[in-house]
């Protein structure tokens, strides 16, 4: 019984003190507003003097520059010979109110996934890439192209291991190479070499004509359906490369 009586007494004391808390808070806020008004008046006057001083400095600098362009020697009167004003008034008071919450940050941009790239290719270029039957088929083609580019076996394995750690497949995206619940991409980097769309655009813009020439030579060695299929791809690739070569950062490199 004594314990409950003690709690009741404490609660009553808190209720009795509540108006006092509110009065103290109002008094602190009123004092702050008074100090703030005084600060703004004094500091505002200083800011006007300070601005006039630095405007004068800038104006005299323009006069000296004009004289130098005219091969005239600047005079002593073309300089501000006094020190800049120094604020000596009261500091800005600190509000007794809690600071407002920070504004919400900008929404995180969505990272496109494989399906988005494929949809964009269809919408923009009418192109649907021919996908390998399996990851093993892609690896064989990958190794064949790398050997044709004079990479050694050790280099090919080293690049593969470095880029992916041996995980994922040819179309695995960064962050989702290893399937797991709630996995989400951390960048649009794709495949064993973690290719980025920006790098691909730059490679097309800078070396696309070499790629086209190599593929056209290959098309000339083919016949029948194989040649028709490659020529269809070339018909899509040519405007892609032309677009990439027209981008500003590519044209600047070319002109430089």
C-alpha atoms as a PDB file:
ATOM      1  CA  UNK A   1       0.000   0.000   0.000  1.00  0.00           C
ATOM      2  CA  UNK A   2       2.828   2.387   0.843  1.00  0.00           C
ATOM      3  CA  UNK A   3       4.414   1.739  -2.561  1.00  0.00           C
ATOM      4  CA  UNK A   4       1.236   2.673  -4.429  1.00  0.00           C
ATOM      5  CA  UNK A   5       0.822   5.778  -2.251  1.00  0.00           C
ATOM      6  CA  UNK A   6       4.366   6.842  -3.088  1.00  0.00           C
ATOM      7  CA  UNK A   7       3.692   6.457  -6.832  1.00  0.00           C
ATOM      8  CA  UNK A   8       0.501   8.476  -6.529  1.00  0.00           C
ATOM      9  CA  UNK A   9       2.309  11.268  -4.694  1.00  0.00           C
ATOM     10  CA  UNK A  10       5.073  11.394  -7.367  1.00  0.00           C
ATOM     11  CA  UNK A  11       2.518  11.498 -10.167  1.00  0.00           C
ATOM     12  CA  UNK A  12       0.654  14.339  -8.475  1.00  0.00           C
ATOM     13  CA  UNK A  13       3.929  16.230  -8.076  1.00  0.00           C
ATOM     14  CA  UNK A  14       4.699  15.834 -11.758  1.00  0.00           C
ATOM     15  CA  UNK A  15       1.276  17.164 -12.712  1.00  0.00           C
ATOM     16  CA  UNK A  16       1.740  20.095 -10.394  1.00  0.00           C
ATOM     17  CA  UNK A  17       5.141  20.874 -11.900  1.00  0.00           C
ATOM     18  CA  UNK A  18       3.947  20.692 -15.529  1.00  0.00           C
ATOM     19  CA  UNK A  19       2.689  24.293 -15.670  1.00  0.00           C
ATOM     20  CA  UNK A  20       6.039  25.409 -14.291  1.00  0.00           C
ATOM     21  CA  UNK A  21       7.859  23.577 -17.072  1.00  0.00           C
ATOM     22  CA  UNK A  22       5.679  25.239 -19.674  1.00  0.00           C
ATOM     23  CA  UNK A  23       6.258  28.681 -18.109  1.00  0.00           C
ATOM     24  CA  UNK A  24      10.018  28.159 -18.047  1.00  0.00           C
ATOM     25  CA  UNK A  25       9.959  27.060 -21.695  1.00  0.00           C
ATOM     26  CA  UNK A  26       7.944  30.134 -22.713  1.00  0.00           C
ATOM     27  CA  UNK A  27      10.303  32.395 -20.802  1.00  0.00           C
ATOM     28  CA  UNK A  28      13.356  30.825 -22.450  1.00  0.00           C
ATOM     29  CA  UNK A  29      11.783  31.198 -25.899  1.00  0.00           C
ATOM     30  CA  UNK A  30      10.874  34.844 -25.242  1.00  0.00           C
ATOM     31  CA  UNK A  31      14.429  35.580 -24.078  1.00  0.00           C
ATOM     32  CA  UNK A  32      15.835  33.878 -27.163  1.00  0.00           C
ATOM     33  CA  UNK A  33      13.618  35.880 -29.503  1.00  0.00           C
ATOM     34  CA  UNK A  34      14.659  39.105 -27.804  1.00  0.00           C
ATOM     35  CA  UNK A  35      18.361  38.237 -28.126  1.00  0.00           C
ATOM     36  CA  UNK A  36      17.848  37.163 -31.742  1.00  0.00           C
ATOM     37  CA  UNK A  37      16.199  40.473 -32.630  1.00  0.00           C
ATOM     38  CA  UNK A  38      19.080  42.363 -31.017  1.00  0.00           C
ATOM     39  CA  UNK A  39      21.647  40.215 -32.843  1.00  0.00           C
ATOM     40  CA  UNK A  40      19.949  40.644 -36.231  1.00  0.00           C
ATOM     41  CA  UNK A  41      19.840  44.430 -35.782  1.00  0.00           C
ATOM     42  CA  UNK A  42      23.519  44.750 -34.795  1.00  0.00           C
ATOM     43  CA  UNK A  43      24.827  42.101 -37.178  1.00  0.00           C
ATOM     44  CA  UNK A  44      22.714  43.473 -40.032  1.00  0.00           C
ATOM     45  CA  UNK A  45      24.343  46.896 -39.592  1.00  0.00           C
ATOM     46  CA  UNK A  46      27.776  45.239 -39.600  1.00  0.00           C
ATOM     47  CA  UNK A  47      26.950  43.299 -42.782  1.00  0.00           C
ATOM     48  CA  UNK A  48      26.062  46.532 -44.595  1.00  0.00           C
ATOM     49  CA  UNK A  49      29.393  48.112 -43.565  1.00  0.00           C
ATOM     50  CA  UNK A  50      31.269  44.922 -44.441  1.00  0.00           C
ATOM     51  CA  UNK A  51      29.642  44.675 -47.866  1.00  0.00           C
ATOM     52  CA  UNK A  52      30.435  48.312 -48.655  1.00  0.00           C
ATOM     53  CA  UNK A  53      34.091  47.719 -47.723  1.00  0.00           C
ATOM     54  CA  UNK A  54      34.513  44.694 -49.991  1.00  0.00           C
ATOM     55  CA  UNK A  55      32.574  46.361 -52.800  1.00  0.00           C
ATOM     56  CA  UNK A  56      35.088  49.200 -52.584  1.00  0.00           C
ATOM     57  CA  UNK A  57      37.962  46.680 -52.690  1.00  0.00           C
ATOM     58  CA  UNK A  58      36.510  45.077 -55.824  1.00  0.00           C
ATOM     59  CA  UNK A  59      35.908  48.440 -57.499  1.00  0.00           C
ATOM     60  CA  UNK A  60      39.475  49.593 -56.908  1.00  0.00           C
ATOM     61  CA  UNK A  61      40.815  46.267 -58.176  1.00  0.00           C
ATOM     62  CA  UNK A  62      38.898  46.820 -61.420  1.00  0.00           C
ATOM     63  CA  UNK A  63      40.461  50.306 -61.681  1.00  0.00           C
ATOM     64  CA  UNK A  64      43.979  48.883 -61.205  1.00  0.00           C
ATOM     65  CA  UNK A  65      43.366  46.147 -63.775  1.00  0.00           C
ATOM     66  CA  UNK A  66      42.132  48.694 -66.294  1.00  0.00           C
ATOM     67  CA  UNK A  67      45.227  50.839 -65.735  1.00  0.00           C
ATOM     68  CA  UNK A  68      47.528  47.832 -66.155  1.00  0.00           C
ATOM     69  CA  UNK A  69      45.845  46.948 -69.456  1.00  0.00           C
ATOM     70  CA  UNK A  70      46.426  50.546 -70.539  1.00  0.00           C
ATOM     71  CA  UNK A  71      50.072  50.280 -69.349  1.00  0.00           C
ATOM     72  CA  UNK A  72      49.460  52.892 -66.627  1.00  0.00           C
ATOM     73  CA  UNK A  73      50.889  52.673 -63.131  1.00  0.00           C
ATOM     74  CA  UNK A  74      48.255  52.408 -60.378  1.00  0.00           C
ATOM     75  CA  UNK A  75      48.186  55.211 -57.802  1.00  0.00           C
ATOM     76  CA  UNK A  76      48.026  54.881 -54.042  1.00  0.00           C
ATOM     77  CA  UNK A  77      44.403  56.025 -54.177  1.00  0.00           C
ATOM     78  CA  UNK A  78      43.602  52.939 -56.262  1.00  0.00           C
ATOM     79  CA  UNK A  79      43.952  50.777 -53.145  1.00  0.00           C
ATOM     80  CA  UNK A  80      41.819  50.423 -50.033  1.00  0.00           C
ATOM     81  CA  UNK A  81      44.257  51.375 -47.278  1.00  0.00           C
ATOM     82  CA  UNK A  82      42.191  50.365 -44.252  1.00  0.00           C
ATOM     83  CA  UNK A  83      41.718  46.946 -42.671  1.00  0.00           C
ATOM     84  CA  UNK A  84      38.385  45.170 -43.169  1.00  0.00           C
ATOM     85  CA  UNK A  85      35.741  45.717 -40.496  1.00  0.00           C
ATOM     86  CA  UNK A  86      35.569  43.185 -37.650  1.00  0.00           C
ATOM     87  CA  UNK A  87      32.286  42.198 -36.020  1.00  0.00           C
ATOM     88  CA  UNK A  88      32.348  42.853 -32.276  1.00  0.00           C
ATOM     89  CA  UNK A  89      28.673  42.513 -31.411  1.00  0.00           C
ATOM     90  CA  UNK A  90      26.868  39.725 -29.564  1.00  0.00           C
ATOM     91  CA  UNK A  91      27.039  36.202 -30.981  1.00  0.00           C
ATOM     92  CA  UNK A  92      24.020  34.646 -32.590  1.00  0.00           C
ATOM     93  CA  UNK A  93      21.907  33.117 -29.801  1.00  0.00           C
ATOM     94  CA  UNK A  94      21.132  29.406 -29.721  1.00  0.00           C
ATOM     95  CA  UNK A  95      17.466  28.495 -29.979  1.00  0.00           C
ATOM     96  CA  UNK A  96      16.040  26.593 -26.992  1.00  0.00           C
ATOM     97  CA  UNK A  97      13.811  24.645 -29.362  1.00  0.00           C
ATOM     98  CA  UNK A  98      15.007  21.269 -30.632  1.00  0.00           C
ATOM     99  CA  UNK A  99      16.536  21.419 -34.113  1.00  0.00           C
ATOM    100  CA  UNK A 100      14.197  20.480 -36.961  1.00  0.00           C
ATOM    101  CA  UNK A 101      14.666  17.036 -38.473  1.00  0.00           C
ATOM    102  CA  UNK A 102      16.944  16.959 -41.513  1.00  0.00           C
ATOM    103  CA  UNK A 103      15.139  17.065 -44.855  1.00  0.00           C
ATOM    104  CA  UNK A 104      14.648  13.705 -46.509  1.00  0.00           C
ATOM    105  CA  UNK A 105      17.394  12.760 -48.925  1.00  0.00           C
ATOM    106  CA  UNK A 106      16.740  12.334 -52.634  1.00  0.00           C
ATOM    107  CA  UNK A 107      15.236   8.996 -53.585  1.00  0.00           C
ATOM    108  CA  UNK A 108      17.793   6.379 -54.434  1.00  0.00           C
ATOM    109  CA  UNK A 109      17.887   5.891 -58.217  1.00  0.00           C
ATOM    110  CA  UNK A 110      16.682   2.531 -59.413  1.00  0.00           C
ATOM    111  CA  UNK A 111      19.404   0.339 -60.882  1.00  0.00           C
ATOM    112  CA  UNK A 112      18.344  -1.280 -64.172  1.00  0.00           C
ATOM    113  CA  UNK A 113      18.448  -5.073 -64.266  1.00  0.00           C
ATOM    114  CA  UNK A 114      18.954  -7.517 -67.137  1.00  0.00           C
ATOM    115  CA  UNK A 115      15.268  -7.416 -68.086  1.00  0.00           C
ATOM    116  CA  UNK A 116      15.415  -3.607 -68.360  1.00  0.00           C
ATOM    117  CA  UNK A 117      18.424  -3.742 -70.713  1.00  0.00           C
ATOM    118  CA  UNK A 118      16.714  -6.334 -72.907  1.00  0.00           C
ATOM    119  CA  UNK A 119      13.500  -4.291 -73.028  1.00  0.00           C
ATOM    120  CA  UNK A 120      15.427  -1.125 -73.922  1.00  0.00           C
ATOM    121  CA  UNK A 121      17.273  -2.954 -76.712  1.00  0.00           C
ATOM    122  CA  UNK A 122      13.952  -4.063 -78.172  1.00  0.00           C
ATOM    123  CA  UNK A 123      12.322  -0.631 -77.843  1.00  0.00           C
ATOM    124  CA  UNK A 124      15.257   1.489 -79.063  1.00  0.00           C
ATOM    125  CA  UNK A 125      16.852  -0.728 -81.691  1.00  0.00           C
ATOM    126  CA  UNK A 126      14.413  -3.545 -82.390  1.00  0.00           C
ATOM    127  CA  UNK A 127      17.179  -5.870 -81.245  1.00  0.00           C
ATOM    128  CA  UNK A 128      16.830  -9.094 -79.272  1.00  0.00           C
ATOM    129  CA  UNK A 129      20.250 -10.585 -78.473  1.00  0.00           C
ATOM    130  CA  UNK A 130      20.827 -14.203 -79.293  1.00  0.00           C
ATOM    131  CA  UNK A 131      21.458 -15.889 -75.958  1.00  0.00           C
ATOM    132  CA  UNK A 132      23.609 -18.993 -75.529  1.00  0.00           C
ATOM    133  CA  UNK A 133      21.913 -22.301 -74.801  1.00  0.00           C
ATOM    134  CA  UNK A 134      23.878 -22.644 -71.558  1.00  0.00           C
ATOM    135  CA  UNK A 135      26.548 -20.952 -69.510  1.00  0.00           C
ATOM    136  CA  UNK A 136      28.998 -23.648 -70.604  1.00  0.00           C
ATOM    137  CA  UNK A 137      28.449 -22.695 -74.250  1.00  0.00           C
ATOM    138  CA  UNK A 138      29.148 -19.089 -73.393  1.00  0.00           C
ATOM    139  CA  UNK A 139      32.354 -20.050 -71.568  1.00  0.00           C
ATOM    140  CA  UNK A 140      33.579 -21.956 -74.615  1.00  0.00           C
ATOM    141  CA  UNK A 141      32.857 -18.981 -76.890  1.00  0.00           C
ATOM    142  CA  UNK A 142      34.465 -16.653 -74.331  1.00  0.00           C
ATOM    143  CA  UNK A 143      37.645 -18.727 -74.215  1.00  0.00           C
ATOM    144  CA  UNK A 144      37.737 -19.081 -78.005  1.00  0.00           C
ATOM    145  CA  UNK A 145      37.461 -15.309 -78.545  1.00  0.00           C
ATOM    146  CA  UNK A 146      40.089 -14.649 -75.892  1.00  0.00           C
ATOM    147  CA  UNK A 147      42.545 -17.097 -77.443  1.00  0.00           C
ATOM    148  CA  UNK A 148      41.918 -15.522 -80.850  1.00  0.00           C
ATOM    149  CA  UNK A 149      42.926 -12.192 -79.256  1.00  0.00           C
ATOM    150  CA  UNK A 150      46.274 -13.795 -78.277  1.00  0.00           C
ATOM    151  CA  UNK A 151      45.497 -14.095 -74.559  1.00  0.00           C
ATOM    152  CA  UNK A 152      47.213 -17.005 -72.875  1.00  0.00           C
ATOM    153  CA  UNK A 153      45.356 -19.654 -70.944  1.00  0.00           C
ATOM    154  CA  UNK A 154      46.684 -18.231 -67.672  1.00  0.00           C
ATOM    155  CA  UNK A 155      45.490 -14.727 -68.623  1.00  0.00           C
ATOM    156  CA  UNK A 156      42.024 -15.954 -69.526  1.00  0.00           C
ATOM    157  CA  UNK A 157      41.650 -17.854 -66.269  1.00  0.00           C
ATOM    158  CA  UNK A 158      43.102 -14.916 -64.315  1.00  0.00           C
ATOM    159  CA  UNK A 159      40.655 -12.418 -65.802  1.00  0.00           C
ATOM    160  CA  UNK A 160      37.722 -14.733 -65.165  1.00  0.00           C
ATOM    161  CA  UNK A 161      38.753 -15.434 -61.578  1.00  0.00           C
ATOM    162  CA  UNK A 162      39.563 -11.793 -60.858  1.00  0.00           C
ATOM    163  CA  UNK A 163      36.286 -10.419 -62.175  1.00  0.00           C
ATOM    164  CA  UNK A 164      33.840 -12.936 -60.720  1.00  0.00           C
ATOM    165  CA  UNK A 165      35.626 -15.106 -58.211  1.00  0.00           C
ATOM    166  CA  UNK A 166      34.310 -18.065 -60.194  1.00  0.00           C
ATOM    167  CA  UNK A 167      30.704 -17.322 -59.237  1.00  0.00           C
ATOM    168  CA  UNK A 168      27.702 -16.389 -61.295  1.00  0.00           C
ATOM    169  CA  UNK A 169      27.005 -16.781 -64.992  1.00  0.00           C
ATOM    170  CA  UNK A 170      27.529 -14.786 -68.166  1.00  0.00           C
ATOM    171  CA  UNK A 171      24.427 -12.665 -67.457  1.00  0.00           C
ATOM    172  CA  UNK A 172      24.851 -12.318 -63.679  1.00  0.00           C
ATOM    173  CA  UNK A 173      24.552  -8.783 -62.396  1.00  0.00           C
ATOM    174  CA  UNK A 174      26.705  -7.234 -59.679  1.00  0.00           C
ATOM    175  CA  UNK A 175      25.146  -7.938 -56.302  1.00  0.00           C
ATOM    176  CA  UNK A 176      23.021 -10.840 -57.473  1.00  0.00           C
ATOM    177  CA  UNK A 177      25.716 -13.180 -58.776  1.00  0.00           C
ATOM    178  CA  UNK A 178      25.020 -15.622 -55.963  1.00  0.00           C
ATOM    179  CA  UNK A 179      21.272 -16.337 -55.648  1.00  0.00           C
ATOM    180  CA  UNK A 180      19.965 -15.455 -52.192  1.00  0.00           C
ATOM    181  CA  UNK A 181      16.728 -14.140 -50.683  1.00  0.00           C
ATOM    182  CA  UNK A 182      16.072 -10.416 -51.229  1.00  0.00           C
ATOM    183  CA  UNK A 183      19.178 -10.045 -53.412  1.00  0.00           C
ATOM    184  CA  UNK A 184      19.307  -6.754 -55.295  1.00  0.00           C
ATOM    185  CA  UNK A 185      21.809  -5.280 -57.770  1.00  0.00           C
ATOM    186  CA  UNK A 186      24.426  -2.889 -56.439  1.00  0.00           C
ATOM    187  CA  UNK A 187      25.406  -1.654 -59.924  1.00  0.00           C
ATOM    188  CA  UNK A 188      24.477  -2.396 -63.545  1.00  0.00           C
ATOM    189  CA  UNK A 189      27.800  -4.262 -64.026  1.00  0.00           C
ATOM    190  CA  UNK A 190      27.122  -7.456 -65.949  1.00  0.00           C
ATOM    191  CA  UNK A 191      28.717 -10.828 -66.577  1.00  0.00           C
ATOM    192  CA  UNK A 192      32.170 -12.308 -66.020  1.00  0.00           C
ATOM    193  CA  UNK A 193      33.961  -9.081 -66.901  1.00  0.00           C
ATOM    194  CA  UNK A 194      31.439  -6.891 -65.053  1.00  0.00           C
ATOM    195  CA  UNK A 195      30.731  -4.892 -68.190  1.00  0.00           C
ATOM    196  CA  UNK A 196      29.161  -1.469 -67.699  1.00  0.00           C
ATOM    197  CA  UNK A 197      26.866   0.177 -70.220  1.00  0.00           C
ATOM    198  CA  UNK A 198      28.910   3.397 -70.067  1.00  0.00           C
ATOM    199  CA  UNK A 199      32.130   1.565 -70.933  1.00  0.00           C
ATOM    200  CA  UNK A 200      30.392  -0.292 -73.756  1.00  0.00           C
ATOM    201  CA  UNK A 201      29.145   2.980 -75.235  1.00  0.00           C
ATOM    202  CA  UNK A 202      32.668   4.428 -75.058  1.00  0.00           C
ATOM    203  CA  UNK A 203      34.202   1.328 -76.666  1.00  0.00           C
ATOM    204  CA  UNK A 204      31.644   1.454 -79.470  1.00  0.00           C
ATOM    205  CA  UNK A 205      32.291   5.156 -79.986  1.00  0.00           C
ATOM    206  CA  UNK A 206      36.085   4.868 -80.002  1.00  0.00           C
ATOM    207  CA  UNK A 207      36.627   1.447 -81.636  1.00  0.00           C
ATOM    208  CA  UNK A 208      33.278   0.562 -83.162  1.00  0.00           C
ATOM    209  CA  UNK A 209      34.529   1.000 -86.713  1.00  0.00           C
ATOM    210  CA  UNK A 210      37.202  -1.630 -86.074  1.00  0.00           C
ATOM    211  CA  UNK A 211      34.582  -3.997 -84.668  1.00  0.00           C
ATOM    212  CA  UNK A 212      32.365  -3.466 -87.701  1.00  0.00           C
ATOM    213  CA  UNK A 213      35.238  -4.104 -90.083  1.00  0.00           C
ATOM    214  CA  UNK A 214      36.114  -7.375 -88.301  1.00  0.00           C
ATOM    215  CA  UNK A 215      32.514  -8.585 -88.345  1.00  0.00           C
ATOM    216  CA  UNK A 216      32.068  -7.601 -91.994  1.00  0.00           C
ATOM    217  CA  UNK A 217      35.166  -9.618 -92.869  1.00  0.00           C
ATOM    218  CA  UNK A 218      33.715 -12.547 -90.986  1.00  0.00           C
ATOM    219  CA  UNK A 219      30.364 -12.174 -92.794  1.00  0.00           C
ATOM    220  CA  UNK A 220      32.178 -12.403 -96.142  1.00  0.00           C
ATOM    221  CA  UNK A 221      33.501 -15.830 -95.144  1.00  0.00           C
ATOM    222  CA  UNK A 222      30.038 -17.198 -94.347  1.00  0.00           C
ATOM    223  CA  UNK A 223      27.259 -18.496 -96.545  1.00  0.00           C
ATOM    224  CA  UNK A 224      23.591 -19.345 -96.236  1.00  0.00           C
ATOM    225  CA  UNK A 225      21.665 -18.810 -93.011  1.00  0.00           C
ATOM    226  CA  UNK A 226      24.810 -18.067 -90.958  1.00  0.00           C
ATOM    227  CA  UNK A 227      25.662 -15.103 -93.208  1.00  0.00           C
ATOM    228  CA  UNK A 228      22.076 -13.841 -93.222  1.00  0.00           C
ATOM    229  CA  UNK A 229      21.970 -13.964 -89.410  1.00  0.00           C
ATOM    230  CA  UNK A 230      25.223 -12.024 -89.012  1.00  0.00           C
ATOM    231  CA  UNK A 231      24.217  -9.422 -91.600  1.00  0.00           C
ATOM    232  CA  UNK A 232      20.987  -8.836 -89.652  1.00  0.00           C
ATOM    233  CA  UNK A 233      23.062  -8.158 -86.568  1.00  0.00           C
ATOM    234  CA  UNK A 234      25.340  -5.829 -88.515  1.00  0.00           C
ATOM    235  CA  UNK A 235      22.307  -3.881 -89.728  1.00  0.00           C
ATOM    236  CA  UNK A 236      21.439  -3.159 -86.098  1.00  0.00           C
ATOM    237  CA  UNK A 237      25.023  -2.637 -84.935  1.00  0.00           C
ATOM    238  CA  UNK A 238      25.868   0.044 -87.526  1.00  0.00           C
ATOM    239  CA  UNK A 239      23.344   2.668 -86.260  1.00  0.00           C
ATOM    240  CA  UNK A 240      24.244   1.757 -82.658  1.00  0.00           C
ATOM    241  CA  UNK A 241      27.898   2.564 -83.296  1.00  0.00           C
ATOM    242  CA  UNK A 242      27.034   5.682 -85.299  1.00  0.00           C
ATOM    243  CA  UNK A 243      24.996   6.945 -82.358  1.00  0.00           C
ATOM    244  CA  UNK A 244      27.803   6.224 -79.884  1.00  0.00           C
ATOM    245  CA  UNK A 245      30.319   8.032 -82.109  1.00  0.00           C
ATOM    246  CA  UNK A 246      28.060  11.115 -82.153  1.00  0.00           C
ATOM    247  CA  UNK A 247      28.103  11.572 -78.368  1.00  0.00           C
ATOM    248  CA  UNK A 248      29.929  14.685 -77.088  1.00  0.00           C
ATOM    249  CA  UNK A 249      32.677  12.977 -75.081  1.00  0.00           C
ATOM    250  CA  UNK A 250      33.499  10.773 -78.102  1.00  0.00           C
ATOM    251  CA  UNK A 251      33.561  13.631 -80.613  1.00  0.00           C
ATOM    252  CA  UNK A 252      35.774  15.654 -78.263  1.00  0.00           C
ATOM    253  CA  UNK A 253      38.314  12.795 -78.122  1.00  0.00           C
ATOM    254  CA  UNK A 254      38.201  12.417 -81.891  1.00  0.00           C
ATOM    255  CA  UNK A 255      38.779  16.129 -82.516  1.00  0.00           C
ATOM    256  CA  UNK A 256      41.533  16.247 -79.893  1.00  0.00           C
END
